[in-house]
Amino acid sequence: MPERTHTATFRATDGPSRMLADLACPACGHVESRELPDRIAMNRMRIFCDCCGAFVTILLNDEQVEAIRASSTA
């Protein structure tokens, strides 16, 4: 199974749809769900893409982590 790494580029002020688009699988573009995942550890999010089978590590900065968590609890 392929393993991919992606550095998130969304801004903390972006809306949830822009955040989700940036968190899509870099291999196939599949978006996991309509909700922002909150599985973050050490500014990294690990996702398994059900569409192409890739394991994806998304690197986030502190502001992005806070924006995801704020959107998840809203």
N, C-alpha and C. Protein backbone atom coordinates (compact mmCIF):
# COMPACT_ATOMS: atom_id res chain seq x y z
N MET A 1 0.84 -1.18 0.00
CA MET A 1 0.00 0.00 0.00
C MET A 1 0.88 1.25 0.00
N PRO A 2 0.52 2.22 -0.82
CA PRO A 2 1.34 3.43 -0.86
C PRO A 2 1.20 4.27 0.40
N GLU A 3 2.27 4.97 0.71
CA GLU A 3 2.24 5.88 1.84
C GLU A 3 2.58 7.27 1.32
N ARG A 4 1.77 8.24 1.69
CA ARG A 4 1.95 9.61 1.21
C ARG A 4 2.05 10.57 2.38
N THR A 5 2.78 11.64 2.17
CA THR A 5 2.87 12.73 3.15
C THR A 5 2.45 14.00 2.45
N HIS A 6 1.65 14.79 3.16
CA HIS A 6 1.14 16.06 2.61
C HIS A 6 1.24 17.12 3.70
N THR A 7 1.75 18.29 3.35
CA THR A 7 1.77 19.40 4.28
C THR A 7 0.55 20.27 4.00
N ALA A 8 -0.30 20.44 5.00
CA ALA A 8 -1.52 21.22 4.84
C ALA A 8 -1.17 22.67 4.51
N THR A 9 -1.97 23.28 3.65
CA THR A 9 -1.73 24.66 3.24
C THR A 9 -2.86 25.61 3.59
N PHE A 10 -3.96 25.07 4.13
CA PHE A 10 -5.08 25.96 4.46
C PHE A 10 -4.70 26.91 5.58
N ARG A 11 -5.39 28.05 5.60
CA ARG A 11 -5.18 29.03 6.67
C ARG A 11 -6.15 28.76 7.80
N ALA A 12 -5.77 29.17 8.98
CA ALA A 12 -6.63 28.96 10.15
C ALA A 12 -7.96 29.71 10.00
N THR A 13 -8.01 30.72 9.17
CA THR A 13 -9.23 31.50 8.96
C THR A 13 -10.10 30.94 7.84
N ASP A 14 -9.63 29.92 7.13
CA ASP A 14 -10.42 29.32 6.06
C ASP A 14 -11.61 28.56 6.63
N GLY A 15 -12.63 28.42 5.82
CA GLY A 15 -13.82 27.68 6.24
C GLY A 15 -13.61 26.18 6.18
N PRO A 16 -14.54 25.44 6.77
CA PRO A 16 -14.42 23.97 6.80
C PRO A 16 -14.32 23.33 5.42
N SER A 17 -15.00 23.87 4.41
CA SER A 17 -14.93 23.25 3.08
C SER A 17 -13.52 23.36 2.50
N ARG A 18 -12.85 24.49 2.71
CA ARG A 18 -11.48 24.65 2.23
C ARG A 18 -10.53 23.74 3.00
N MET A 19 -10.76 23.61 4.31
CA MET A 19 -9.93 22.71 5.12
C MET A 19 -10.08 21.27 4.63
N LEU A 20 -11.33 20.84 4.41
CA LEU A 20 -11.57 19.48 3.93
C LEU A 20 -10.91 19.24 2.59
N ALA A 21 -10.98 20.21 1.70
CA ALA A 21 -10.35 20.06 0.38
C ALA A 21 -8.85 19.87 0.52
N ASP A 22 -8.24 20.57 1.46
CA ASP A 22 -6.81 20.47 1.68
C ASP A 22 -6.44 19.15 2.36
N LEU A 23 -7.37 18.54 3.08
CA LEU A 23 -7.11 17.28 3.77
C LEU A 23 -7.47 16.06 2.92
N ALA A 24 -7.84 16.29 1.66
CA ALA A 24 -8.16 15.19 0.75
C ALA A 24 -6.92 14.34 0.49
N CYS A 25 -7.13 13.12 0.09
CA CYS A 25 -6.03 12.21 -0.22
C CYS A 25 -5.19 12.80 -1.35
N PRO A 26 -3.88 12.96 -1.14
CA PRO A 26 -3.04 13.52 -2.19
C PRO A 26 -2.83 12.55 -3.37
N ALA A 27 -3.14 11.29 -3.18
CA ALA A 27 -2.96 10.30 -4.24
C ALA A 27 -4.14 10.30 -5.22
N CYS A 28 -5.36 10.38 -4.69
CA CYS A 28 -6.53 10.26 -5.57
C CYS A 28 -7.54 11.39 -5.42
N GLY A 29 -7.38 12.26 -4.42
CA GLY A 29 -8.30 13.38 -4.23
C GLY A 29 -9.55 13.07 -3.43
N HIS A 30 -9.66 11.84 -2.95
CA HIS A 30 -10.84 11.43 -2.18
C HIS A 30 -10.90 12.20 -0.85
N VAL A 31 -12.08 12.70 -0.53
CA VAL A 31 -12.31 13.36 0.76
C VAL A 31 -13.00 12.35 1.65
N GLU A 32 -12.42 12.11 2.83
CA GLU A 32 -12.89 11.05 3.71
C GLU A 32 -14.33 11.22 4.15
N SER A 33 -14.73 12.42 4.51
CA SER A 33 -16.09 12.66 4.97
C SER A 33 -16.41 14.13 4.83
N ARG A 34 -17.58 14.51 5.28
CA ARG A 34 -17.98 15.91 5.23
C ARG A 34 -17.64 16.63 6.53
N GLU A 35 -17.08 15.90 7.48
CA GLU A 35 -16.69 16.48 8.76
C GLU A 35 -15.17 16.46 8.87
N LEU A 36 -14.64 17.47 9.52
CA LEU A 36 -13.19 17.51 9.71
C LEU A 36 -12.77 16.46 10.72
N PRO A 37 -11.85 15.60 10.36
CA PRO A 37 -11.38 14.59 11.32
C PRO A 37 -10.55 15.25 12.42
N ASP A 38 -10.68 14.75 13.63
CA ASP A 38 -9.95 15.32 14.76
C ASP A 38 -9.02 14.27 15.35
N ARG A 39 -8.35 13.54 14.48
CA ARG A 39 -7.39 12.52 14.91
C ARG A 39 -5.99 13.09 14.70
N ILE A 40 -5.60 13.96 15.60
CA ILE A 40 -4.33 14.67 15.46
C ILE A 40 -3.44 14.35 16.65
N ALA A 41 -2.20 14.00 16.35
CA ALA A 41 -1.20 13.76 17.40
C ALA A 41 0.11 14.37 16.92
N MET A 42 0.68 15.20 17.76
CA MET A 42 1.96 15.84 17.46
C MET A 42 1.93 16.57 16.11
N ASN A 43 0.84 17.29 15.87
CA ASN A 43 0.64 18.08 14.65
C ASN A 43 0.67 17.23 13.37
N ARG A 44 0.26 15.98 13.52
CA ARG A 44 0.15 15.07 12.38
C ARG A 44 -1.20 14.37 12.42
N MET A 45 -1.75 14.22 11.26
CA MET A 45 -3.02 13.50 11.11
C MET A 45 -2.75 12.31 10.20
N ARG A 46 -3.13 11.12 10.64
CA ARG A 46 -2.96 9.92 9.82
C ARG A 46 -4.33 9.49 9.32
N ILE A 47 -4.41 9.28 8.02
CA ILE A 47 -5.67 8.89 7.40
C ILE A 47 -5.40 7.71 6.47
N PHE A 48 -6.33 6.75 6.46
CA PHE A 48 -6.31 5.67 5.49
C PHE A 48 -7.36 6.01 4.45
N CYS A 49 -6.99 6.08 3.19
CA CYS A 49 -7.93 6.40 2.12
C CYS A 49 -8.67 5.13 1.69
N ASP A 50 -9.98 5.13 1.90
CA ASP A 50 -10.79 3.98 1.51
C ASP A 50 -10.88 3.83 -0.01
N CYS A 51 -10.61 4.89 -0.72
CA CYS A 51 -10.75 4.88 -2.17
C CYS A 51 -9.56 4.21 -2.86
N CYS A 52 -8.34 4.63 -2.52
CA CYS A 52 -7.16 4.09 -3.22
C CYS A 52 -6.26 3.22 -2.34
N GLY A 53 -6.54 3.19 -1.04
CA GLY A 53 -5.76 2.35 -0.14
C GLY A 53 -4.46 2.98 0.36
N ALA A 54 -4.28 4.27 0.14
CA ALA A 54 -3.06 4.93 0.59
C ALA A 54 -3.15 5.29 2.07
N PHE A 55 -2.02 5.20 2.74
CA PHE A 55 -1.90 5.74 4.09
C PHE A 55 -1.35 7.13 3.93
N VAL A 56 -2.03 8.12 4.51
CA VAL A 56 -1.65 9.52 4.33
C VAL A 56 -1.30 10.13 5.68
N THR A 57 -0.16 10.79 5.75
CA THR A 57 0.22 11.58 6.91
C THR A 57 0.13 13.04 6.49
N ILE A 58 -0.69 13.81 7.18
CA ILE A 58 -0.84 15.23 6.89
C ILE A 58 -0.16 16.01 8.01
N LEU A 59 0.78 16.85 7.62
CA LEU A 59 1.52 17.67 8.57
C LEU A 59 0.80 19.00 8.75
N LEU A 60 0.58 19.39 10.00
CA LEU A 60 -0.18 20.60 10.32
C LEU A 60 0.65 21.51 11.23
N ASN A 61 0.39 22.82 11.14
CA ASN A 61 1.00 23.73 12.11
C ASN A 61 0.04 23.93 13.28
N ASP A 62 0.48 24.62 14.31
CA ASP A 62 -0.34 24.80 15.51
C ASP A 62 -1.66 25.49 15.21
N GLU A 63 -1.65 26.51 14.35
CA GLU A 63 -2.86 27.25 14.02
C GLU A 63 -3.87 26.36 13.27
N GLN A 64 -3.38 25.52 12.39
CA GLN A 64 -4.26 24.61 11.66
C GLN A 64 -4.90 23.59 12.60
N VAL A 65 -4.12 23.09 13.54
CA VAL A 65 -4.66 22.14 14.52
C VAL A 65 -5.78 22.79 15.32
N GLU A 66 -5.54 24.00 15.79
CA GLU A 66 -6.57 24.72 16.56
C GLU A 66 -7.81 24.99 15.72
N ALA A 67 -7.63 25.34 14.45
CA ALA A 67 -8.78 25.60 13.57
C ALA A 67 -9.60 24.34 13.35
N ILE A 68 -8.95 23.21 13.17
CA ILE A 68 -9.67 21.94 13.00
C ILE A 68 -10.44 21.59 14.26
N ARG A 69 -9.79 21.71 15.39
CA ARG A 69 -10.46 21.38 16.66
C ARG A 69 -11.62 22.33 16.93
N ALA A 70 -11.46 23.62 16.62
CA ALA A 70 -12.55 24.59 16.82
C ALA A 70 -13.73 24.26 15.90
N SER A 71 -13.45 23.87 14.67
CA SER A 71 -14.52 23.54 13.73
C SER A 71 -15.22 22.24 14.12
N SER A 72 -14.47 21.32 14.71
CA SER A 72 -15.04 20.03 15.10
C SER A 72 -15.98 20.15 16.29
N THR A 73 -15.74 21.13 17.14
CA THR A 73 -16.57 21.29 18.32
C THR A 73 -17.70 22.28 18.11
N ALA A 74 -17.70 22.96 16.96
CA ALA A 74 -18.74 23.97 16.70
C ALA A 74 -20.04 23.33 16.29
